[in-house]
Amino acid sequence: MNAPVILFVYSRLEHTKETINELKKNHLAQETDLIIYSDCYKNDSDKKAVQSVRCYLETLKNGFKSVEIITRTENFGLAKNIMEGVSEVTKKHGRAIVLEDDIVTSPFFLTYMNEALEKYKNNKKIWHISGWNYPISDSELPDAFFWRTMNCWGWATWDDRWSEFSKEPQKLIDTWSKDDIYKFNVDGANNFWSQVIANNKGTLNTWAIFWYATIFKNNGLCLNPTVSLVLNIGNDGSGENCTDNDLYKVELFLDTLILPNDININSQAVDRIKKFYKKSKLPIYKKIINKIKRKFK
C-alpha cells in the first residue's frame, strides 16, 4: 500500500506545474494519492498568483490514484502549513511522503520512498527518509546510508515518529549542552544551531530544523540516498527561505536504489558531507581560485 504524497503550494505556478508534471512520471504515480495543501495569499500582491495556482490545480484529473486539494482560507505561512498538514495526513494514513512546490523528482522517487517506508517501518531507530543528498562523490559508497541529520527536499516519515515533533526553540536553548549543540552541528562542521536561535528571536520562522532536533534528541537515524532522487528548482530566489545559490546543485539519479540492511551511521559518507560543509564556507574568491585550479589539473 503506497504512502500518500503531500504537496505544499503557494504562488509559484510554473514551479508547481513542473513539480507535478515530473511527479506524474513516477512509476508509482497512478497508484498514489496526491494531497495538495494550497496556502492562502498573505497580501493582495500575492492574491492573483495564488489564484492562478489554484485554477491550475482544479485541472488535475489524471496521473494519480486520486487528487485532494485543501485550500487554506487564511494565510498559514510555510512552516505552519507543513506542520499541520503533515500531522493531519500521517495521523490518517500512518505515513506520508512530503514535497514542496519546487521539488522535481526522479521517476524512481516514489519507488524508493515506499520501499524504505515499508522496509524500516518497524525499526524505531529510523525516523526519516530523505530523497536528496549533497553533491559529494559516490565512489565506494552504498546506494543509501544512515546518519543523524535530515534533509527536507523530498522526504517521508511515519505517524508514530512525526507525532513526537516539537517546535520549542527556547526549551532547546535552556536544556541542550554545548556538547549536544556541537554534535547537532555535525561535529561543528555546519551551524544548524543558528536556525534555532533565529527562530527563537523571531527573525526566522521554519519547521525543518525542529524536525531535525526532534530526531536528534531521540537518537534517531535518517536514511539518505548517496545520489539524489530530487532537484530543488526553487533556488532561484523565488521561494520562502531559498536563495539564488546553486551550491547545492546535483544531478538527478534515474534508476532504482538498493536499501541498506546495516542500520549504522556511515562515517565515510558523513565525512564527505563535512568536507562539503567546510568547502562551502570558503570566501567566494577562494572558491573561484579553487575552481580554476581544478580545471587545469
Protein backbone atom coordinates (compact mmCIF):
# COMPACT_ATOMS: atom_id res chain seq x y z
CA MET A 1 0.00 0.00 0.00
CA ASN A 2 1.65 3.20 -1.19
CA ALA A 3 2.01 6.22 1.05
CA PRO A 4 0.12 9.37 0.04
CA VAL A 5 2.12 12.30 -1.28
CA ILE A 6 1.54 15.66 0.39
CA LEU A 7 2.36 18.66 -1.79
CA PHE A 8 2.52 22.17 -0.32
CA VAL A 9 1.97 25.01 -2.79
CA TYR A 10 1.59 28.77 -2.69
CA SER A 11 2.04 31.25 -5.54
CA ARG A 12 4.62 29.82 -7.97
CA LEU A 13 2.61 28.48 -10.89
CA GLU A 14 5.47 27.36 -13.16
CA HIS A 15 7.36 25.67 -10.32
CA THR A 16 4.16 23.89 -9.25
CA LYS A 17 3.47 22.69 -12.80
CA GLU A 18 6.98 21.31 -13.19
CA THR A 19 6.85 19.60 -9.80
CA ILE A 20 3.54 17.90 -10.58
CA ASN A 21 4.43 17.00 -14.16
CA GLU A 22 7.62 15.25 -13.07
CA LEU A 23 5.80 13.53 -10.20
CA LYS A 24 3.33 12.13 -12.75
CA LYS A 25 6.26 10.41 -14.49
CA ASN A 26 6.99 8.32 -11.40
CA HIS A 27 6.37 4.61 -11.85
CA LEU A 28 4.00 4.52 -8.88
CA ALA A 29 2.16 7.79 -9.58
CA GLN A 30 -1.00 6.10 -10.86
CA GLU A 31 -1.18 4.11 -7.61
CA THR A 32 -0.57 7.12 -5.34
CA ASP A 33 -3.00 9.52 -3.65
CA LEU A 34 -1.92 13.15 -4.01
CA ILE A 35 -2.99 15.56 -1.26
CA ILE A 36 -2.30 19.22 -2.02
CA TYR A 37 -2.31 21.99 0.58
CA SER A 38 -2.74 25.39 -1.08
CA ASP A 39 -1.93 28.22 1.33
CA CYS A 40 -3.95 31.43 1.15
CA TYR A 41 -2.32 34.68 -0.01
CA LYS A 42 -0.76 36.78 2.73
CA ASN A 43 -1.31 40.09 0.95
CA ASP A 44 -3.11 41.49 -2.09
CA SER A 45 0.06 41.44 -4.18
CA ASP A 46 0.13 37.62 -3.93
CA LYS A 47 -3.60 37.13 -4.49
CA LYS A 48 -3.56 36.80 -8.27
CA ALA A 49 -0.61 34.38 -8.27
CA VAL A 50 -2.22 32.17 -5.61
CA GLN A 51 -5.48 32.12 -7.55
CA SER A 52 -3.61 31.14 -10.72
CA VAL A 53 -2.07 28.17 -8.92
CA ARG A 54 -5.47 27.12 -7.58
CA CYS A 55 -7.05 27.35 -11.05
CA TYR A 56 -4.33 25.05 -12.37
CA LEU A 57 -4.84 22.58 -9.52
CA GLU A 58 -8.51 22.26 -10.44
CA THR A 59 -7.47 20.93 -13.87
CA LEU A 60 -5.68 17.91 -12.36
CA LYS A 61 -7.83 14.95 -13.31
CA ASN A 62 -5.39 12.22 -14.32
CA GLY A 63 -1.96 10.93 -13.38
CA PHE A 64 -2.63 9.87 -9.79
CA LYS A 65 -4.89 7.44 -7.95
CA SER A 66 -6.71 10.44 -6.52
CA VAL A 67 -6.19 14.17 -6.05
CA GLU A 68 -7.41 16.04 -2.97
CA ILE A 69 -6.97 19.80 -2.71
CA ILE A 70 -7.12 21.58 0.65
CA THR A 71 -7.38 25.35 0.14
CA ARG A 72 -6.50 27.39 3.19
CA THR A 73 -8.90 30.29 3.78
CA GLU A 74 -6.27 32.24 5.72
CA ASN A 75 -2.52 32.52 5.32
CA PHE A 76 -0.75 29.87 7.37
CA GLY A 77 2.78 30.51 6.15
CA LEU A 78 5.00 27.66 5.02
CA ALA A 79 6.05 26.37 8.44
CA LYS A 80 2.56 26.13 9.94
CA ASN A 81 1.10 24.76 6.72
CA ILE A 82 3.63 21.92 6.66
CA MET A 83 3.49 21.15 10.38
CA GLU A 84 -0.30 20.91 10.45
CA GLY A 85 -0.63 19.26 7.03
CA VAL A 86 1.86 16.50 7.77
CA SER A 87 0.22 15.89 11.15
CA GLU A 88 -3.24 15.56 9.58
CA VAL A 89 -2.16 13.17 6.82
CA THR A 90 0.16 10.94 8.85
CA LYS A 91 -2.46 10.59 11.58
CA LYS A 92 -4.97 9.40 8.98
CA HIS A 93 -2.69 7.26 6.79
CA GLY A 94 0.12 6.24 9.16
CA ARG A 95 2.85 7.51 6.82
CA ALA A 96 3.40 10.16 4.18
CA ILE A 97 5.78 11.41 1.50
CA VAL A 98 6.26 15.18 1.56
CA LEU A 99 7.07 17.61 -1.25
CA GLU A 100 7.04 21.36 -1.71
CA ASP A 101 6.19 23.19 -4.93
CA ASP A 102 9.81 23.43 -6.11
CA ILE A 103 10.92 19.80 -5.85
CA VAL A 104 11.40 17.88 -9.10
CA THR A 105 11.53 14.11 -8.66
CA SER A 106 13.20 11.20 -10.41
CA PRO A 107 10.80 8.60 -11.91
CA PHE A 108 12.10 6.25 -9.19
CA PHE A 109 11.49 8.64 -6.26
CA LEU A 110 8.17 7.13 -5.17
CA THR A 111 9.55 3.60 -5.53
CA TYR A 112 12.47 4.41 -3.24
CA MET A 113 10.29 6.18 -0.70
CA ASN A 114 7.66 3.45 -0.48
CA GLU A 115 10.21 0.64 -0.31
CA ALA A 116 12.04 2.44 2.51
CA LEU A 117 8.83 3.22 4.42
CA GLU A 118 7.86 -0.44 4.26
CA LYS A 119 11.31 -1.92 4.94
CA TYR A 120 12.02 0.18 8.03
CA LYS A 121 8.50 0.70 9.39
CA ASN A 122 9.11 -1.44 12.47
CA ASN A 123 12.63 -0.21 13.16
CA LYS A 124 12.09 2.62 15.63
CA LYS A 125 15.71 3.76 15.28
CA ILE A 126 14.86 5.15 11.84
CA TRP A 127 12.79 8.34 11.81
CA HIS A 128 13.15 9.94 8.42
CA ILE A 129 13.68 9.10 4.74
CA SER A 130 15.45 11.76 2.64
CA GLY A 131 15.31 12.00 -1.14
CA TRP A 132 18.21 14.41 -1.68
CA ASN A 133 21.91 14.36 -0.93
CA TYR A 134 24.72 16.90 -1.04
CA PRO A 135 26.89 16.94 -4.17
CA ILE A 136 29.54 14.53 -2.87
CA SER A 137 31.39 11.71 -4.57
CA ASP A 138 29.50 8.40 -4.50
CA SER A 139 32.67 6.35 -5.03
CA GLU A 140 32.80 3.27 -2.76
CA LEU A 141 29.60 4.30 -1.00
CA PRO A 142 26.40 2.22 -0.90
CA ASP A 143 23.28 3.40 -2.74
CA ALA A 144 21.92 4.82 0.52
CA PHE A 145 23.26 5.31 4.03
CA PHE A 146 22.25 6.28 7.55
CA TRP A 147 23.25 9.33 9.52
CA ARG A 148 21.69 11.60 12.15
CA THR A 149 20.91 14.64 10.01
CA MET A 150 17.74 15.00 7.95
CA ASN A 151 17.26 16.66 4.57
CA CYS A 152 13.84 18.13 3.78
CA TRP A 153 13.87 18.35 -0.03
CA GLY A 154 11.56 15.42 -0.70
CA TRP A 155 11.16 13.26 2.40
CA ALA A 156 8.96 10.77 4.21
CA THR A 157 8.15 9.53 7.70
CA TRP A 158 5.68 7.59 9.82
CA ASP A 159 2.99 8.86 12.17
CA ASP A 160 4.48 7.28 15.31
CA ARG A 161 7.70 9.25 14.69
CA TRP A 162 6.19 12.51 13.43
CA SER A 163 3.81 12.62 16.42
CA GLU A 164 6.87 13.39 18.57
CA PHE A 165 7.55 16.58 16.58
CA SER A 166 8.02 19.68 18.74
CA LYS A 167 8.86 23.26 17.88
CA GLU A 168 10.11 24.77 21.15
CA PRO A 169 13.30 26.75 20.49
CA GLN A 170 13.52 28.21 23.99
CA LYS A 171 13.32 24.74 25.54
CA LEU A 172 16.19 23.57 23.35
CA ILE A 173 18.26 26.61 24.31
CA ASP A 174 17.57 26.01 28.01
CA THR A 175 18.25 22.27 28.04
CA TRP A 176 20.87 21.42 25.42
CA SER A 177 24.52 21.33 26.46
CA LYS A 178 27.46 22.62 24.43
CA ASP A 179 28.26 19.02 23.56
CA ASP A 180 24.69 18.50 22.29
CA ILE A 181 24.99 21.59 20.10
CA TYR A 182 28.38 20.52 18.77
CA LYS A 183 27.04 17.12 17.73
CA PHE A 184 23.86 18.72 16.34
CA ASN A 185 26.13 20.87 14.16
CA VAL A 186 27.63 17.64 12.74
CA ASP A 187 30.67 17.93 14.97
CA GLY A 188 30.98 21.63 14.31
CA ALA A 189 31.06 21.27 10.51
CA ASN A 190 27.88 23.31 9.95
CA ASN A 191 25.98 25.81 12.09
CA PHE A 192 22.49 24.31 12.21
CA TRP A 193 22.05 25.68 15.73
CA SER A 194 21.90 29.25 14.38
CA GLN A 195 18.48 28.41 12.91
CA VAL A 196 17.18 27.51 16.37
CA ILE A 197 18.45 30.84 17.71
CA ALA A 198 16.92 32.78 14.80
CA ASN A 199 13.54 31.10 15.28
CA ASN A 200 13.66 31.94 18.97
CA LYS A 201 14.41 35.59 18.18
CA GLY A 202 11.60 35.72 15.62
CA THR A 203 13.90 36.58 12.71
CA LEU A 204 13.18 33.19 11.12
CA ASN A 205 10.07 31.02 11.08
CA THR A 206 10.85 27.49 9.93
CA TRP A 207 9.87 23.92 10.76
CA ALA A 208 12.63 21.65 9.38
CA ILE A 209 15.31 22.48 11.95
CA PHE A 210 12.90 21.39 14.70
CA TRP A 211 12.11 18.12 13.00
CA TYR A 212 15.86 17.52 12.88
CA ALA A 213 16.09 18.49 16.57
CA THR A 214 13.26 16.07 17.41
CA ILE A 215 15.04 13.24 15.61
CA PHE A 216 18.37 14.19 17.17
CA LYS A 217 17.17 14.24 20.79
CA ASN A 218 15.53 10.83 20.28
CA ASN A 219 18.78 9.39 18.88
CA GLY A 220 17.03 8.69 15.61
CA LEU A 221 18.62 7.91 12.26
CA CYS A 222 17.80 9.22 8.80
CA LEU A 223 18.09 7.24 5.58
CA ASN A 224 19.80 9.25 2.85
CA PRO A 225 20.41 8.35 -0.79
CA THR A 226 24.02 8.71 -1.85
CA VAL A 227 22.77 10.12 -5.16
CA SER A 228 19.81 12.49 -5.33
CA LEU A 229 16.33 11.49 -6.43
CA VAL A 230 15.11 15.10 -6.28
CA LEU A 231 16.19 18.51 -7.54
CA ASN A 232 15.33 21.79 -5.84
CA ILE A 233 14.30 24.21 -8.59
CA GLY A 234 13.42 26.90 -6.05
CA ASN A 235 16.97 28.11 -5.51
CA ASP A 236 16.29 30.92 -7.96
CA GLY A 237 15.29 33.42 -5.29
CA SER A 238 11.56 32.77 -5.79
CA GLY A 239 10.79 30.71 -2.71
CA GLU A 240 10.49 31.26 1.02
CA ASN A 241 13.83 30.58 2.75
CA CYS A 242 15.50 29.98 -0.66
CA THR A 243 18.30 31.91 -2.35
CA ASP A 244 19.62 32.05 -5.90
CA ASN A 245 22.65 29.93 -4.96
CA ASP A 246 23.47 26.80 -6.99
CA LEU A 247 25.86 25.50 -4.33
CA TYR A 248 23.55 22.53 -3.74
CA LYS A 249 23.01 21.71 -7.40
CA VAL A 250 23.06 17.95 -8.10
CA GLU A 251 22.33 15.54 -10.94
CA LEU A 252 19.02 13.66 -10.81
CA PHE A 253 19.54 9.90 -10.46
CA LEU A 254 17.39 7.91 -12.89
CA ASP A 255 17.43 4.37 -11.52
CA THR A 256 16.43 2.26 -8.54
CA LEU A 257 18.43 2.12 -5.32
CA ILE A 258 19.36 -0.82 -3.09
CA LEU A 259 18.39 -0.11 0.52
CA PRO A 260 20.93 -0.93 3.24
CA ASN A 261 20.47 -3.69 5.81
CA ASP A 262 23.24 -2.32 8.02
CA ILE A 263 21.49 0.09 10.39
CA ASN A 264 24.53 2.08 11.41
CA ILE A 265 25.90 5.54 10.65
CA ASN A 266 28.08 5.53 7.56
CA SER A 267 31.12 7.53 8.71
CA GLN A 268 32.63 7.71 5.21
CA ALA A 269 29.53 9.40 3.79
CA VAL A 270 29.31 11.74 6.78
CA ASP A 271 32.98 12.73 6.41
CA ARG A 272 32.38 13.68 2.77
CA ILE A 273 29.41 15.81 3.76
CA LYS A 274 31.50 17.50 6.45
CA LYS A 275 34.11 18.36 3.81
CA PHE A 276 31.34 19.81 1.64
CA TYR A 277 30.18 21.99 4.55
CA LYS A 278 33.69 23.31 5.13
CA LYS A 279 34.29 23.95 1.43
CA SER A 280 31.00 25.84 1.15
CA LYS A 281 32.16 28.26 3.84
CA LEU A 282 35.14 29.48 1.80
CA PRO A 283 35.04 33.14 0.69
CA ILE A 284 33.78 33.45 -2.89
CA TYR A 285 37.21 34.47 -4.29
CA LYS A 286 38.78 31.32 -2.83
CA LYS A 287 36.03 29.19 -4.39
CA ILE A 288 36.76 30.74 -7.79
CA ILE A 289 40.52 30.15 -7.39
CA ASN A 290 39.97 26.54 -6.37
CA LYS A 291 37.65 26.01 -9.34
CA ILE A 292 40.31 27.37 -11.71
CA LYS A 293 42.97 25.16 -10.14
CA ARG A 294 40.78 22.05 -10.57
CA LYS A 295 40.15 22.97 -14.20
CA PHE A 296 43.85 22.99 -15.05
CA LYS A 297 44.89 19.91 -13.07
